[in-house]
ModelCIF file with pLDDT and N, C-alpha, C, O atoms, coordinates in Angstrom:
data_MODEL
#
_entry.id   MODEL 
#
_entity.id                         1 
_entity.type                       polymer 
_entity.pdbx_number_of_molecules   1 
#
_entity_poly.entity_id                      1 
_entity_poly.type                           'polypeptide(L)' 
_entity_poly.nstd_linkage                   no 
_entity_poly.nstd_monomer                   no 
_entity_poly.pdbx_seq_one_letter_code       LMRQVEDLIIKAVLSAELQIATACKMFVPHKANCFELYGFDVLI 
_entity_poly.pdbx_seq_one_letter_code_can   LMRQVEDLIIKAVLSAELQIATACKMFVPHKANCFELYGFDVLI 
_entity_poly.pdbx_strand_id                 A 
#
loop_
_entity_poly_seq.entity_id 
_entity_poly_seq.num 
_entity_poly_seq.mon_id 
_entity_poly_seq.hetero 
1 1  LEU n 
1 2  MET n 
1 3  ARG n 
1 4  GLN n 
1 5  VAL n 
1 6  GLU n 
1 7  ASP n 
1 8  LEU n 
1 9  ILE n 
1 10 ILE n 
1 11 LYS n 
1 12 ALA n 
1 13 VAL n 
1 14 LEU n 
1 15 SER n 
1 16 ALA n 
1 17 GLU n 
1 18 LEU n 
1 19 GLN n 
1 20 ILE n 
1 21 ALA n 
1 22 THR n 
1 23 ALA n 
1 24 CYS n 
1 25 LYS n 
1 26 MET n 
1 27 PHE n 
1 28 VAL n 
1 29 PRO n 
1 30 HIS n 
1 31 LYS n 
1 32 ALA n 
1 33 ASN n 
1 34 CYS n 
1 35 PHE n 
1 36 GLU n 
1 37 LEU n 
1 38 TYR n 
1 39 GLY n 
1 40 PHE n 
1 41 ASP n 
1 42 VAL n 
1 43 LEU n 
1 44 ILE n 
#
_struct_asym.id          A 
_struct_asym.entity_id   1 
#
loop_
_ma_qa_metric.id 
_ma_qa_metric.mode 
_ma_qa_metric.name 
_ma_qa_metric.software_group_id 
_ma_qa_metric.type 
1 global pLDDT . pLDDT 
2 local  pLDDT . pLDDT 
#
_ma_qa_metric_global.metric_id      1 
_ma_qa_metric_global.metric_value   92.64 
_ma_qa_metric_global.model_id       1 
_ma_qa_metric_global.ordinal_id     1 
#
loop_
_ma_qa_metric_local.label_asym_id 
_ma_qa_metric_local.label_comp_id 
_ma_qa_metric_local.label_seq_id 
_ma_qa_metric_local.metric_id 
_ma_qa_metric_local.metric_value 
_ma_qa_metric_local.model_id 
_ma_qa_metric_local.ordinal_id 
A LEU 1  2 97.00 1 1  
A MET 2  2 96.00 1 2  
A ARG 3  2 97.00 1 3  
A GLN 4  2 97.00 1 4  
A VAL 5  2 97.00 1 5  
A GLU 6  2 97.00 1 6  
A ASP 7  2 97.00 1 7  
A LEU 8  2 97.00 1 8  
A ILE 9  2 97.00 1 9  
A ILE 10 2 97.00 1 10 
A LYS 11 2 97.00 1 11 
A ALA 12 2 96.00 1 12 
A VAL 13 2 96.00 1 13 
A LEU 14 2 96.00 1 14 
A SER 15 2 95.00 1 15 
A ALA 16 2 93.00 1 16 
A GLU 17 2 94.00 1 17 
A LEU 18 2 93.00 1 18 
A GLN 19 2 93.00 1 19 
A ILE 20 2 92.00 1 20 
A ALA 21 2 91.00 1 21 
A THR 22 2 92.00 1 22 
A ALA 23 2 91.00 1 23 
A CYS 24 2 89.00 1 24 
A LYS 25 2 88.00 1 25 
A MET 26 2 89.00 1 26 
A PHE 27 2 90.00 1 27 
A VAL 28 2 86.00 1 28 
A PRO 29 2 82.00 1 29 
A HIS 30 2 82.00 1 30 
A LYS 31 2 76.00 1 31 
A ALA 32 2 79.00 1 32 
A ASN 33 2 82.00 1 33 
A CYS 34 2 87.00 1 34 
A PHE 35 2 92.00 1 35 
A GLU 36 2 94.00 1 36 
A LEU 37 2 97.00 1 37 
A TYR 38 2 97.00 1 38 
A GLY 39 2 96.00 1 39 
A PHE 40 2 97.00 1 40 
A ASP 41 2 95.00 1 41 
A VAL 42 2 97.00 1 42 
A LEU 43 2 96.00 1 43 
A ILE 44 2 97.00 1 44 
#
loop_
_atom_site.group_PDB 
_atom_site.id 
_atom_site.type_symbol 
_atom_site.label_atom_id 
_atom_site.label_alt_id 
_atom_site.label_comp_id 
_atom_site.label_asym_id 
_atom_site.label_entity_id 
_atom_site.label_seq_id 
_atom_site.pdbx_PDB_ins_code 
_atom_site.Cartn_x 
_atom_site.Cartn_y 
_atom_site.Cartn_z 
_atom_site.occupancy 
_atom_site.B_iso_or_equiv 
_atom_site.pdbx_formal_charge 
_atom_site.auth_seq_id 
_atom_site.auth_comp_id 
_atom_site.auth_asym_id 
_atom_site.auth_atom_id 
_atom_site.pdbx_PDB_model_num 
ATOM 1   N N  . LEU A 1 1  ? 166.126 82.775 49.989 1.00 97.00 ? 1  LEU A N  1 
ATOM 2   C CA . LEU A 1 1  ? 165.152 83.792 50.404 1.00 97.00 ? 1  LEU A CA 1 
ATOM 3   C C  . LEU A 1 1  ? 163.917 83.766 49.515 1.00 97.00 ? 1  LEU A C  1 
ATOM 4   O O  . LEU A 1 1  ? 162.795 83.785 50.022 1.00 97.00 ? 1  LEU A O  1 
ATOM 5   N N  . MET A 1 2  ? 164.103 83.723 48.198 1.00 96.00 ? 2  MET A N  1 
ATOM 6   C CA . MET A 1 2  ? 162.960 83.742 47.287 1.00 96.00 ? 2  MET A CA 1 
ATOM 7   C C  . MET A 1 2  ? 162.154 82.449 47.353 1.00 96.00 ? 2  MET A C  1 
ATOM 8   O O  . MET A 1 2  ? 160.939 82.467 47.154 1.00 96.00 ? 2  MET A O  1 
ATOM 9   N N  . ARG A 1 3  ? 162.819 81.325 47.632 1.00 97.00 ? 3  ARG A N  1 
ATOM 10  C CA . ARG A 1 3  ? 162.075 80.077 47.835 1.00 97.00 ? 3  ARG A CA 1 
ATOM 11  C C  . ARG A 1 3  ? 161.183 80.200 49.070 1.00 97.00 ? 3  ARG A C  1 
ATOM 12  O O  . ARG A 1 3  ? 160.050 79.721 49.071 1.00 97.00 ? 3  ARG A O  1 
ATOM 13  N N  . GLN A 1 4  ? 161.689 80.834 50.106 1.00 97.00 ? 4  GLN A N  1 
ATOM 14  C CA . GLN A 1 4  ? 160.902 81.027 51.328 1.00 97.00 ? 4  GLN A CA 1 
ATOM 15  C C  . GLN A 1 4  ? 159.747 82.000 51.083 1.00 97.00 ? 4  GLN A C  1 
ATOM 16  O O  . GLN A 1 4  ? 158.660 81.825 51.633 1.00 97.00 ? 4  GLN A O  1 
ATOM 17  N N  . VAL A 1 5  ? 159.981 83.015 50.267 1.00 97.00 ? 5  VAL A N  1 
ATOM 18  C CA . VAL A 1 5  ? 158.917 83.958 49.937 1.00 97.00 ? 5  VAL A CA 1 
ATOM 19  C C  . VAL A 1 5  ? 157.808 83.247 49.165 1.00 97.00 ? 5  VAL A C  1 
ATOM 20  O O  . VAL A 1 5  ? 156.628 83.447 49.451 1.00 97.00 ? 5  VAL A O  1 
ATOM 21  N N  . GLU A 1 6  ? 158.177 82.428 48.199 1.00 97.00 ? 6  GLU A N  1 
ATOM 22  C CA . GLU A 1 6  ? 157.180 81.675 47.439 1.00 97.00 ? 6  GLU A CA 1 
ATOM 23  C C  . GLU A 1 6  ? 156.403 80.726 48.350 1.00 97.00 ? 6  GLU A C  1 
ATOM 24  O O  . GLU A 1 6  ? 155.191 80.571 48.200 1.00 97.00 ? 6  GLU A O  1 
ATOM 25  N N  . ASP A 1 7  ? 157.091 80.101 49.282 1.00 97.00 ? 7  ASP A N  1 
ATOM 26  C CA . ASP A 1 7  ? 156.434 79.211 50.237 1.00 97.00 ? 7  ASP A CA 1 
ATOM 27  C C  . ASP A 1 7  ? 155.440 79.986 51.095 1.00 97.00 ? 7  ASP A C  1 
ATOM 28  O O  . ASP A 1 7  ? 154.343 79.504 51.376 1.00 97.00 ? 7  ASP A O  1 
ATOM 29  N N  . LEU A 1 8  ? 155.830 81.189 51.507 1.00 97.00 ? 8  LEU A N  1 
ATOM 30  C CA . LEU A 1 8  ? 154.953 82.050 52.303 1.00 97.00 ? 8  LEU A CA 1 
ATOM 31  C C  . LEU A 1 8  ? 153.687 82.406 51.520 1.00 97.00 ? 8  LEU A C  1 
ATOM 32  O O  . LEU A 1 8  ? 152.583 82.377 52.064 1.00 97.00 ? 8  LEU A O  1 
ATOM 33  N N  . ILE A 1 9  ? 153.858 82.740 50.246 1.00 97.00 ? 9  ILE A N  1 
ATOM 34  C CA . ILE A 1 9  ? 152.713 83.108 49.405 1.00 97.00 ? 9  ILE A CA 1 
ATOM 35  C C  . ILE A 1 9  ? 151.757 81.922 49.248 1.00 97.00 ? 9  ILE A C  1 
ATOM 36  O O  . ILE A 1 9  ? 150.543 82.081 49.370 1.00 97.00 ? 9  ILE A O  1 
ATOM 37  N N  . ILE A 1 10 ? 152.302 80.744 48.980 1.00 97.00 ? 10 ILE A N  1 
ATOM 38  C CA . ILE A 1 10 ? 151.474 79.550 48.797 1.00 97.00 ? 10 ILE A CA 1 
ATOM 39  C C  . ILE A 1 10 ? 150.669 79.251 50.058 1.00 97.00 ? 10 ILE A C  1 
ATOM 40  O O  . ILE A 1 10 ? 149.473 78.969 49.984 1.00 97.00 ? 10 ILE A O  1 
ATOM 41  N N  . LYS A 1 11 ? 151.323 79.312 51.210 1.00 97.00 ? 11 LYS A N  1 
ATOM 42  C CA . LYS A 1 11 ? 150.636 79.012 52.468 1.00 97.00 ? 11 LYS A CA 1 
ATOM 43  C C  . LYS A 1 11 ? 149.544 80.039 52.766 1.00 97.00 ? 11 LYS A C  1 
ATOM 44  O O  . LYS A 1 11 ? 148.482 79.688 53.281 1.00 97.00 ? 11 LYS A O  1 
ATOM 45  N N  . ALA A 1 12 ? 149.805 81.301 52.445 1.00 96.00 ? 12 ALA A N  1 
ATOM 46  C CA . ALA A 1 12 ? 148.797 82.342 52.685 1.00 96.00 ? 12 ALA A CA 1 
ATOM 47  C C  . ALA A 1 12 ? 147.554 82.102 51.832 1.00 96.00 ? 12 ALA A C  1 
ATOM 48  O O  . ALA A 1 12 ? 146.429 82.223 52.315 1.00 96.00 ? 12 ALA A O  1 
ATOM 49  N N  . VAL A 1 13 ? 147.765 81.759 50.553 1.00 96.00 ? 13 VAL A N  1 
ATOM 50  C CA . VAL A 1 13 ? 146.622 81.494 49.673 1.00 96.00 ? 13 VAL A CA 1 
ATOM 51  C C  . VAL A 1 13 ? 145.890 80.225 50.112 1.00 96.00 ? 13 VAL A C  1 
ATOM 52  O O  . VAL A 1 13 ? 144.660 80.175 50.085 1.00 96.00 ? 13 VAL A O  1 
ATOM 53  N N  . LEU A 1 14 ? 146.643 79.204 50.515 1.00 96.00 ? 14 LEU A N  1 
ATOM 54  C CA . LEU A 1 14 ? 146.018 77.966 50.976 1.00 96.00 ? 14 LEU A CA 1 
ATOM 55  C C  . LEU A 1 14 ? 145.137 78.195 52.205 1.00 96.00 ? 14 LEU A C  1 
ATOM 56  O O  . LEU A 1 14 ? 144.138 77.501 52.394 1.00 96.00 ? 14 LEU A O  1 
ATOM 57  N N  . SER A 1 15 ? 145.504 79.159 53.027 1.00 95.00 ? 15 SER A N  1 
ATOM 58  C CA . SER A 1 15 ? 144.736 79.409 54.243 1.00 95.00 ? 15 SER A CA 1 
ATOM 59  C C  . SER A 1 15 ? 143.321 79.883 53.935 1.00 95.00 ? 15 SER A C  1 
ATOM 60  O O  . SER A 1 15 ? 142.421 79.719 54.759 1.00 95.00 ? 15 SER A O  1 
ATOM 61  N N  . ALA A 1 16 ? 143.115 80.468 52.755 1.00 93.00 ? 16 ALA A N  1 
ATOM 62  C CA . ALA A 1 16 ? 141.783 80.956 52.371 1.00 93.00 ? 16 ALA A CA 1 
ATOM 63  C C  . ALA A 1 16 ? 141.179 80.155 51.224 1.00 93.00 ? 16 ALA A C  1 
ATOM 64  O O  . ALA A 1 16 ? 140.101 80.487 50.729 1.00 93.00 ? 16 ALA A O  1 
ATOM 65  N N  . GLU A 1 17 ? 141.870 79.105 50.804 1.00 94.00 ? 17 GLU A N  1 
ATOM 66  C CA . GLU A 1 17 ? 141.453 78.369 49.606 1.00 94.00 ? 17 GLU A CA 1 
ATOM 67  C C  . GLU A 1 17 ? 140.047 77.785 49.736 1.00 94.00 ? 17 GLU A C  1 
ATOM 68  O O  . GLU A 1 17 ? 139.232 77.939 48.826 1.00 94.00 ? 17 GLU A O  1 
ATOM 69  N N  . LEU A 1 18 ? 139.754 77.120 50.847 1.00 93.00 ? 18 LEU A N  1 
ATOM 70  C CA . LEU A 1 18 ? 138.482 76.414 50.993 1.00 93.00 ? 18 LEU A CA 1 
ATOM 71  C C  . LEU A 1 18 ? 137.299 77.373 50.900 1.00 93.00 ? 18 LEU A C  1 
ATOM 72  O O  . LEU A 1 18 ? 136.335 77.112 50.181 1.00 93.00 ? 18 LEU A O  1 
ATOM 73  N N  . GLN A 1 19 ? 137.379 78.488 51.636 1.00 93.00 ? 19 GLN A N  1 
ATOM 74  C CA . GLN A 1 19 ? 136.261 79.438 51.638 1.00 93.00 ? 19 GLN A CA 1 
ATOM 75  C C  . GLN A 1 19 ? 136.048 80.057 50.267 1.00 93.00 ? 19 GLN A C  1 
ATOM 76  O O  . GLN A 1 19 ? 134.910 80.196 49.819 1.00 93.00 ? 19 GLN A O  1 
ATOM 77  N N  . ILE A 1 20 ? 137.132 80.429 49.598 1.00 92.00 ? 20 ILE A N  1 
ATOM 78  C CA . ILE A 1 20 ? 137.000 81.083 48.293 1.00 92.00 ? 20 ILE A CA 1 
ATOM 79  C C  . ILE A 1 20 ? 136.552 80.078 47.231 1.00 92.00 ? 20 ILE A C  1 
ATOM 80  O O  . ILE A 1 20 ? 135.711 80.397 46.390 1.00 92.00 ? 20 ILE A O  1 
ATOM 81  N N  . ALA A 1 21 ? 137.109 78.874 47.268 1.00 91.00 ? 21 ALA A N  1 
ATOM 82  C CA . ALA A 1 21 ? 136.706 77.842 46.296 1.00 91.00 ? 21 ALA A CA 1 
ATOM 83  C C  . ALA A 1 21 ? 135.224 77.503 46.451 1.00 91.00 ? 21 ALA A C  1 
ATOM 84  O O  . ALA A 1 21 ? 134.527 77.300 45.457 1.00 91.00 ? 21 ALA A O  1 
ATOM 85  N N  . THR A 1 22 ? 134.747 77.441 47.680 1.00 92.00 ? 22 THR A N  1 
ATOM 86  C CA . THR A 1 22 ? 133.330 77.162 47.927 1.00 92.00 ? 22 THR A CA 1 
ATOM 87  C C  . THR A 1 22 ? 132.450 78.281 47.379 1.00 92.00 ? 22 THR A C  1 
ATOM 88  O O  . THR A 1 22 ? 131.418 78.024 46.758 1.00 92.00 ? 22 THR A O  1 
ATOM 89  N N  . ALA A 1 23 ? 132.870 79.530 47.617 1.00 91.00 ? 23 ALA A N  1 
ATOM 90  C CA . ALA A 1 23 ? 132.106 80.674 47.107 1.00 91.00 ? 23 ALA A CA 1 
ATOM 91  C C  . ALA A 1 23 ? 132.102 80.694 45.583 1.00 91.00 ? 23 ALA A C  1 
ATOM 92  O O  . ALA A 1 23 ? 131.093 81.040 44.970 1.00 91.00 ? 23 ALA A O  1 
ATOM 93  N N  . CYS A 1 24 ? 133.230 80.324 44.967 1.00 89.00 ? 24 CYS A N  1 
ATOM 94  C CA . CYS A 1 24 ? 133.304 80.299 43.504 1.00 89.00 ? 24 CYS A CA 1 
ATOM 95  C C  . CYS A 1 24 ? 132.337 79.278 42.916 1.00 89.00 ? 24 CYS A C  1 
ATOM 96  O O  . CYS A 1 24 ? 131.704 79.535 41.892 1.00 89.00 ? 24 CYS A O  1 
ATOM 97  N N  . LYS A 1 25 ? 132.224 78.118 43.564 1.00 88.00 ? 25 LYS A N  1 
ATOM 98  C CA . LYS A 1 25 ? 131.309 77.091 43.070 1.00 88.00 ? 25 LYS A CA 1 
ATOM 99  C C  . LYS A 1 25 ? 129.861 77.570 43.132 1.00 88.00 ? 25 LYS A C  1 
ATOM 100 O O  . LYS A 1 25 ? 129.037 77.193 42.299 1.00 88.00 ? 25 LYS A O  1 
ATOM 101 N N  . MET A 1 26 ? 129.559 78.404 44.129 1.00 89.00 ? 26 MET A N  1 
ATOM 102 C CA . MET A 1 26 ? 128.195 78.886 44.305 1.00 89.00 ? 26 MET A CA 1 
ATOM 103 C C  . MET A 1 26 ? 127.854 80.029 43.360 1.00 89.00 ? 26 MET A C  1 
ATOM 104 O O  . MET A 1 26 ? 126.743 80.087 42.833 1.00 89.00 ? 26 MET A O  1 
ATOM 105 N N  . PHE A 1 27 ? 128.806 80.943 43.142 1.00 90.00 ? 27 PHE A N  1 
ATOM 106 C CA . PHE A 1 27 ? 128.485 82.200 42.463 1.00 90.00 ? 27 PHE A CA 1 
ATOM 107 C C  . PHE A 1 27 ? 129.177 82.392 41.117 1.00 90.00 ? 27 PHE A C  1 
ATOM 108 O O  . PHE A 1 27 ? 128.857 83.334 40.392 1.00 90.00 ? 27 PHE A O  1 
ATOM 109 N N  . VAL A 1 28 ? 130.115 81.519 40.773 1.00 86.00 ? 28 VAL A N  1 
ATOM 110 C CA . VAL A 1 28 ? 130.863 81.693 39.520 1.00 86.00 ? 28 VAL A CA 1 
ATOM 111 C C  . VAL A 1 28 ? 130.685 80.440 38.671 1.00 86.00 ? 28 VAL A C  1 
ATOM 112 O O  . VAL A 1 28 ? 131.486 79.511 38.777 1.00 86.00 ? 28 VAL A O  1 
ATOM 113 N N  . PRO A 1 29 ? 129.656 80.392 37.834 1.00 82.00 ? 29 PRO A N  1 
ATOM 114 C CA . PRO A 1 29 ? 129.409 79.178 37.043 1.00 82.00 ? 29 PRO A CA 1 
ATOM 115 C C  . PRO A 1 29 ? 130.498 78.887 36.023 1.00 82.00 ? 29 PRO A C  1 
ATOM 116 O O  . PRO A 1 29 ? 130.744 77.729 35.685 1.00 82.00 ? 29 PRO A O  1 
ATOM 117 N N  . HIS A 1 30 ? 131.149 79.928 35.534 1.00 82.00 ? 30 HIS A N  1 
ATOM 118 C CA . HIS A 1 30 ? 132.229 79.748 34.555 1.00 82.00 ? 30 HIS A CA 1 
ATOM 119 C C  . HIS A 1 30 ? 133.536 80.205 35.212 1.00 82.00 ? 30 HIS A C  1 
ATOM 120 O O  . HIS A 1 30 ? 133.929 81.365 35.096 1.00 82.00 ? 30 HIS A O  1 
ATOM 121 N N  . LYS A 1 31 ? 134.188 79.290 35.892 1.00 76.00 ? 31 LYS A N  1 
ATOM 122 C CA . LYS A 1 31 ? 135.327 79.654 36.735 1.00 76.00 ? 31 LYS A CA 1 
ATOM 123 C C  . LYS A 1 31 ? 136.506 80.208 35.953 1.00 76.00 ? 31 LYS A C  1 
ATOM 124 O O  . LYS A 1 31 ? 137.343 80.913 36.517 1.00 76.00 ? 31 LYS A O  1 
ATOM 125 N N  . ALA A 1 32 ? 136.586 79.897 34.649 1.00 79.00 ? 32 ALA A N  1 
ATOM 126 C CA . ALA A 1 32 ? 137.696 80.413 33.848 1.00 79.00 ? 32 ALA A CA 1 
ATOM 127 C C  . ALA A 1 32 ? 137.540 81.889 33.526 1.00 79.00 ? 32 ALA A C  1 
ATOM 128 O O  . ALA A 1 32 ? 138.441 82.494 32.945 1.00 79.00 ? 32 ALA A O  1 
ATOM 129 N N  . ASN A 1 33 ? 136.404 82.480 33.894 1.00 82.00 ? 33 ASN A N  1 
ATOM 130 C CA . ASN A 1 33 ? 136.153 83.894 33.595 1.00 82.00 ? 33 ASN A CA 1 
ATOM 131 C C  . ASN A 1 33 ? 136.714 84.828 34.659 1.00 82.00 ? 33 ASN A C  1 
ATOM 132 O O  . ASN A 1 33 ? 136.669 86.046 34.485 1.00 82.00 ? 33 ASN A O  1 
ATOM 133 N N  . CYS A 1 34 ? 137.232 84.298 35.738 1.00 87.00 ? 34 CYS A N  1 
ATOM 134 C CA . CYS A 1 34 ? 137.628 85.141 36.874 1.00 87.00 ? 34 CYS A CA 1 
ATOM 135 C C  . CYS A 1 34 ? 139.108 84.976 37.205 1.00 87.00 ? 34 CYS A C  1 
ATOM 136 O O  . CYS A 1 34 ? 139.710 83.926 36.984 1.00 87.00 ? 34 CYS A O  1 
ATOM 137 N N  . PHE A 1 35 ? 139.661 86.049 37.740 1.00 92.00 ? 35 PHE A N  1 
ATOM 138 C CA . PHE A 1 35 ? 141.008 85.996 38.307 1.00 92.00 ? 35 PHE A CA 1 
ATOM 139 C C  . PHE A 1 35 ? 141.079 87.069 39.388 1.00 92.00 ? 35 PHE A C  1 
ATOM 140 O O  . PHE A 1 35 ? 140.221 87.950 39.455 1.00 92.00 ? 35 PHE A O  1 
ATOM 141 N N  . GLU A 1 36 ? 142.102 86.991 40.233 1.00 94.00 ? 36 GLU A N  1 
ATOM 142 C CA . GLU A 1 36 ? 142.266 87.975 41.302 1.00 94.00 ? 36 GLU A CA 1 
ATOM 143 C C  . GLU A 1 36 ? 143.724 88.381 41.405 1.00 94.00 ? 36 GLU A C  1 
ATOM 144 O O  . GLU A 1 36 ? 144.620 87.537 41.413 1.00 94.00 ? 36 GLU A O  1 
ATOM 145 N N  . LEU A 1 37 ? 143.951 89.695 41.484 1.00 97.00 ? 37 LEU A N  1 
ATOM 146 C CA . LEU A 1 37 ? 145.297 90.229 41.693 1.00 97.00 ? 37 LEU A CA 1 
ATOM 147 C C  . LEU A 1 37 ? 145.440 90.624 43.157 1.00 97.00 ? 37 LEU A C  1 
ATOM 148 O O  . LEU A 1 37 ? 144.624 91.378 43.687 1.00 97.00 ? 37 LEU A O  1 
ATOM 149 N N  . TYR A 1 38 ? 146.472 90.113 43.800 1.00 97.00 ? 38 TYR A N  1 
ATOM 150 C CA . TYR A 1 38 ? 146.739 90.432 45.202 1.00 97.00 ? 38 TYR A CA 1 
ATOM 151 C C  . TYR A 1 38 ? 148.074 91.180 45.324 1.00 97.00 ? 38 TYR A C  1 
ATOM 152 O O  . TYR A 1 38 ? 148.997 90.970 44.538 1.00 97.00 ? 38 TYR A O  1 
ATOM 153 N N  . GLY A 1 39 ? 148.144 92.042 46.313 1.00 96.00 ? 39 GLY A N  1 
ATOM 154 C CA . GLY A 1 39 ? 149.400 92.697 46.654 1.00 96.00 ? 39 GLY A CA 1 
ATOM 155 C C  . GLY A 1 39 ? 149.908 92.149 47.979 1.00 96.00 ? 39 GLY A C  1 
ATOM 156 O O  . GLY A 1 39 ? 149.326 92.430 49.027 1.00 96.00 ? 39 GLY A O  1 
ATOM 157 N N  . PHE A 1 40 ? 150.981 91.376 47.948 1.00 97.00 ? 40 PHE A N  1 
ATOM 158 C CA . PHE A 1 40 ? 151.559 90.792 49.164 1.00 97.00 ? 40 PHE A CA 1 
ATOM 159 C C  . PHE A 1 40 ? 152.635 91.729 49.712 1.00 97.00 ? 40 PHE A C  1 
ATOM 160 O O  . PHE A 1 40 ? 153.564 92.105 48.997 1.00 97.00 ? 40 PHE A O  1 
ATOM 161 N N  . ASP A 1 41 ? 152.502 92.098 50.971 1.00 95.00 ? 41 ASP A N  1 
ATOM 162 C CA . ASP A 1 41 ? 153.519 92.908 51.638 1.00 95.00 ? 41 ASP A CA 1 
ATOM 163 C C  . ASP A 1 41 ? 154.345 92.007 52.544 1.00 95.00 ? 41 ASP A C  1 
ATOM 164 O O  . ASP A 1 41 ? 153.820 91.382 53.466 1.00 95.00 ? 41 ASP A O  1 
ATOM 165 N N  . VAL A 1 42 ? 155.643 91.949 52.271 1.00 97.00 ? 42 VAL A N  1 
ATOM 166 C CA . VAL A 1 42 ? 156.534 91.026 52.958 1.00 97.00 ? 42 VAL A CA 1 
ATOM 167 C C  . VAL A 1 42 ? 157.672 91.794 53.617 1.00 97.00 ? 42 VAL A C  1 
ATOM 168 O O  . VAL A 1 42 ? 158.315 92.644 53.000 1.00 97.00 ? 42 VAL A O  1 
ATOM 169 N N  . LEU A 1 43 ? 157.903 91.472 54.888 1.00 96.00 ? 43 LEU A N  1 
ATOM 170 C CA . LEU A 1 43 ? 159.033 92.048 55.627 1.00 96.00 ? 43 LEU A CA 1 
ATOM 171 C C  . LEU A 1 43 ? 160.105 90.977 55.783 1.00 96.00 ? 43 LEU A C  1 
ATOM 172 O O  . LEU A 1 43 ? 159.791 89.827 56.089 1.00 96.00 ? 43 LEU A O  1 
ATOM 173 N N  . ILE A 1 44 ? 161.352 91.338 55.578 1.00 97.00 ? 44 ILE A N  1 
ATOM 174 C CA . ILE A 1 44 ? 162.474 90.410 55.739 1.00 97.00 ? 44 ILE A CA 1 
ATOM 175 C C  . ILE A 1 44 ? 163.218 90.786 57.006 1.00 97.00 ? 44 ILE A C  1 
ATOM 176 O O  . ILE A 1 44 ? 164.209 90.144 57.354 1.00 97.00 ? 44 ILE A O  1 
#
């Protein structure tokens, strides 16, 4: 179950990776200065 949950989280982040990575290159010159906390709601 937890392996599947981790897989779900990875796929969800990958779905938005390109757009966010592109925006970071444009607006965040020092990429190590930023992080994001997300709250994932999962139903079993």
